[in-house]
Amino acid sequence: MPRDPDAVNLPPPDRPDPLARALGQLDPAPAELNRDALMFQAGAESRNNVIRLWQLTAGFMTAVGFAAGAYYRSTLPDVAPAVSPATAGSAGPTTTPPPPLR
């Protein structure tokens, strides 16, 4: 900023800046935006977070299921109790199967 307050609002010089002249000769490039493709890409990108959330949830639930199965298995007895032949027959009343359908 100049120290002279009158020099702040000077008119621009008569000859244009070489950079401004070079930029003025350029033609703008045509717009190559495909609205449908742009919207499709935006939708595809927005669903990536949702997919990751479901993948993490499924992985977490798998880990919880595995841990619960391992805990349940560790609480089961190692050997099944022995059944004597005398008590094997007294398991309860037997039922007859229903007659076959014709």
C-alpha atoms as a PDB file:
ATOM      1  CA  MET A   1       0.000   0.000   0.000  1.00  0.00           C
ATOM      2  CA  PRO A   2       1.358   3.389  -0.842  1.00  0.00           C
ATOM      3  CA  ARG A   3       1.751   5.820   1.991  1.00  0.00           C
ATOM      4  CA  ASP A   4       0.116   8.572  -0.022  1.00  0.00           C
ATOM      5  CA  PRO A   5      -3.687   8.302   0.378  1.00  0.00           C
ATOM      6  CA  ASP A   6      -4.256   9.945  -3.017  1.00  0.00           C
ATOM      7  CA  ALA A   7      -2.263   7.219  -4.798  1.00  0.00           C
ATOM      8  CA  VAL A   8      -4.596   4.431  -3.625  1.00  0.00           C
ATOM      9  CA  ASN A   9      -7.266   4.865  -6.310  1.00  0.00           C
ATOM     10  CA  LEU A  10      -5.160   5.560  -9.379  1.00  0.00           C
ATOM     11  CA  PRO A  11      -6.582   4.524 -12.764  1.00  0.00           C
ATOM     12  CA  PRO A  12      -4.983   1.449 -14.347  1.00  0.00           C
ATOM     13  CA  PRO A  13      -2.148   1.974 -16.814  1.00  0.00           C
ATOM     14  CA  ASP A  14      -3.011   2.460 -20.505  1.00  0.00           C
ATOM     15  CA  ARG A  15      -1.189  -0.604 -21.729  1.00  0.00           C
ATOM     16  CA  PRO A  16      -2.564  -3.931 -20.438  1.00  0.00           C
ATOM     17  CA  ASP A  17      -0.583  -6.386 -18.461  1.00  0.00           C
ATOM     18  CA  PRO A  18       1.023  -9.076 -20.689  1.00  0.00           C
ATOM     19  CA  LEU A  19      -0.489 -11.839 -18.567  1.00  0.00           C
ATOM     20  CA  ALA A  20      -3.961 -10.310 -18.852  1.00  0.00           C
ATOM     21  CA  ARG A  21      -3.541  -9.998 -22.618  1.00  0.00           C
ATOM     22  CA  ALA A  22      -2.446 -13.665 -22.910  1.00  0.00           C
ATOM     23  CA  LEU A  23      -5.347 -14.848 -20.782  1.00  0.00           C
ATOM     24  CA  GLY A  24      -7.775 -12.765 -22.803  1.00  0.00           C
ATOM     25  CA  GLN A  25      -6.792 -14.594 -25.992  1.00  0.00           C
ATOM     26  CA  LEU A  26      -7.620 -18.029 -24.574  1.00  0.00           C
ATOM     27  CA  ASP A  27     -10.900 -19.753 -25.423  1.00  0.00           C
ATOM     28  CA  PRO A  28     -12.654 -21.565 -22.581  1.00  0.00           C
ATOM     29  CA  ALA A  29     -12.768 -25.333 -22.845  1.00  0.00           C
ATOM     30  CA  PRO A  30     -16.210 -26.845 -23.448  1.00  0.00           C
ATOM     31  CA  ALA A  31     -17.873 -28.328 -20.394  1.00  0.00           C
ATOM     32  CA  GLU A  32     -17.554 -32.100 -20.442  1.00  0.00           C
ATOM     33  CA  LEU A  33     -19.677 -32.881 -17.416  1.00  0.00           C
ATOM     34  CA  ASN A  34     -22.131 -35.712 -17.630  1.00  0.00           C
ATOM     35  CA  ARG A  35     -24.748 -35.039 -14.979  1.00  0.00           C
ATOM     36  CA  ASP A  36     -25.917 -38.653 -14.770  1.00  0.00           C
ATOM     37  CA  ALA A  37     -22.400 -40.055 -14.437  1.00  0.00           C
ATOM     38  CA  LEU A  38     -21.557 -37.457 -11.801  1.00  0.00           C
ATOM     39  CA  MET A  39     -24.653 -38.308  -9.754  1.00  0.00           C
ATOM     40  CA  PHE A  40     -23.948 -42.054 -10.102  1.00  0.00           C
ATOM     41  CA  GLN A  41     -20.381 -41.605  -8.831  1.00  0.00           C
ATOM     42  CA  ALA A  42     -21.588 -39.499  -5.925  1.00  0.00           C
ATOM     43  CA  GLY A  43     -24.110 -42.171  -4.949  1.00  0.00           C
ATOM     44  CA  ALA A  44     -21.527 -44.929  -5.243  1.00  0.00           C
ATOM     45  CA  GLU A  45     -19.101 -43.033  -3.027  1.00  0.00           C
ATOM     46  CA  SER A  46     -21.742 -42.296  -0.404  1.00  0.00           C
ATOM     47  CA  ARG A  47     -22.675 -45.958   0.009  1.00  0.00           C
ATOM     48  CA  ASN A  48     -19.091 -47.064   0.715  1.00  0.00           C
ATOM     49  CA  ASN A  49     -19.399 -45.897   4.327  1.00  0.00           C
ATOM     50  CA  VAL A  50     -22.639 -47.838   4.794  1.00  0.00           C
ATOM     51  CA  ILE A  51     -21.096 -50.998   3.370  1.00  0.00           C
ATOM     52  CA  ARG A  52     -18.097 -50.671   5.690  1.00  0.00           C
ATOM     53  CA  LEU A  53     -20.440 -50.200   8.652  1.00  0.00           C
ATOM     54  CA  TRP A  54     -22.299 -53.429   7.844  1.00  0.00           C
ATOM     55  CA  GLN A  55     -19.038 -55.302   7.283  1.00  0.00           C
ATOM     56  CA  LEU A  56     -17.701 -54.150  10.650  1.00  0.00           C
ATOM     57  CA  THR A  57     -20.987 -55.062  12.345  1.00  0.00           C
ATOM     58  CA  ALA A  58     -20.967 -58.552  10.821  1.00  0.00           C
ATOM     59  CA  GLY A  59     -17.334 -59.066  11.829  1.00  0.00           C
ATOM     60  CA  PHE A  60     -18.056 -57.943  15.374  1.00  0.00           C
ATOM     61  CA  MET A  61     -21.055 -60.241  15.670  1.00  0.00           C
ATOM     62  CA  THR A  62     -18.986 -63.151  14.299  1.00  0.00           C
ATOM     63  CA  ALA A  63     -16.319 -62.494  16.927  1.00  0.00           C
ATOM     64  CA  VAL A  64     -18.946 -62.326  19.691  1.00  0.00           C
ATOM     65  CA  GLY A  65     -20.482 -65.600  18.476  1.00  0.00           C
ATOM     66  CA  PHE A  66     -17.107 -67.289  18.363  1.00  0.00           C
ATOM     67  CA  ALA A  67     -16.249 -66.077  21.876  1.00  0.00           C
ATOM     68  CA  ALA A  68     -19.636 -67.208  23.218  1.00  0.00           C
ATOM     69  CA  GLY A  69     -19.202 -70.626  21.580  1.00  0.00           C
ATOM     70  CA  ALA A  70     -15.721 -70.998  23.040  1.00  0.00           C
ATOM     71  CA  TYR A  71     -16.989 -70.029  26.492  1.00  0.00           C
ATOM     72  CA  TYR A  72     -19.959 -72.397  26.265  1.00  0.00           C
ATOM     73  CA  ARG A  73     -17.734 -75.245  25.109  1.00  0.00           C
ATOM     74  CA  SER A  74     -15.364 -74.718  28.018  1.00  0.00           C
ATOM     75  CA  THR A  75     -18.246 -75.042  30.512  1.00  0.00           C
ATOM     76  CA  LEU A  76     -19.429 -78.420  29.169  1.00  0.00           C
ATOM     77  CA  PRO A  77     -18.265 -81.603  30.938  1.00  0.00           C
ATOM     78  CA  ASP A  78     -15.434 -83.421  29.207  1.00  0.00           C
ATOM     79  CA  VAL A  79     -16.952 -86.905  29.540  1.00  0.00           C
ATOM     80  CA  ALA A  80     -20.586 -87.955  29.274  1.00  0.00           C
ATOM     81  CA  PRO A  81     -21.897 -89.861  32.314  1.00  0.00           C
ATOM     82  CA  ALA A  82     -21.880 -93.612  31.939  1.00  0.00           C
ATOM     83  CA  VAL A  83     -25.243 -95.342  31.494  1.00  0.00           C
ATOM     84  CA  SER A  84     -25.612 -98.786  32.961  1.00  0.00           C
ATOM     85  CA  PRO A  85     -27.606-101.415  31.012  1.00  0.00           C
ATOM     86  CA  ALA A  86     -30.074-101.685  33.888  1.00  0.00           C
ATOM     87  CA  THR A  87     -31.113 -98.059  33.649  1.00  0.00           C
ATOM     88  CA  ALA A  88     -30.910 -97.859  29.855  1.00  0.00           C
ATOM     89  CA  GLY A  89     -34.210 -99.708  29.374  1.00  0.00           C
ATOM     90  CA  SER A  90     -36.107 -97.557  31.852  1.00  0.00           C
ATOM     91  CA  ALA A  91     -35.781 -94.362  29.845  1.00  0.00           C
ATOM     92  CA  GLY A  92     -39.534 -94.015  29.692  1.00  0.00           C
ATOM     93  CA  PRO A  93     -42.567 -95.319  27.828  1.00  0.00           C
ATOM     94  CA  THR A  94     -42.055 -96.021  24.176  1.00  0.00           C
ATOM     95  CA  THR A  95     -44.533 -94.777  21.604  1.00  0.00           C
ATOM     96  CA  THR A  96     -45.639 -96.637  18.561  1.00  0.00           C
ATOM     97  CA  PRO A  97     -45.134 -94.896  15.219  1.00  0.00           C
ATOM     98  CA  PRO A  98     -48.259 -93.717  13.395  1.00  0.00           C
ATOM     99  CA  PRO A  99     -49.582 -95.887  10.537  1.00  0.00           C
ATOM    100  CA  PRO A 100     -48.212 -95.035   7.080  1.00  0.00           C
ATOM    101  CA  LEU A 101     -50.246 -92.767   4.826  1.00  0.00           C
ATOM    102  CA  ARG A 102     -51.890 -94.295   1.760  1.00  0.00           C
END
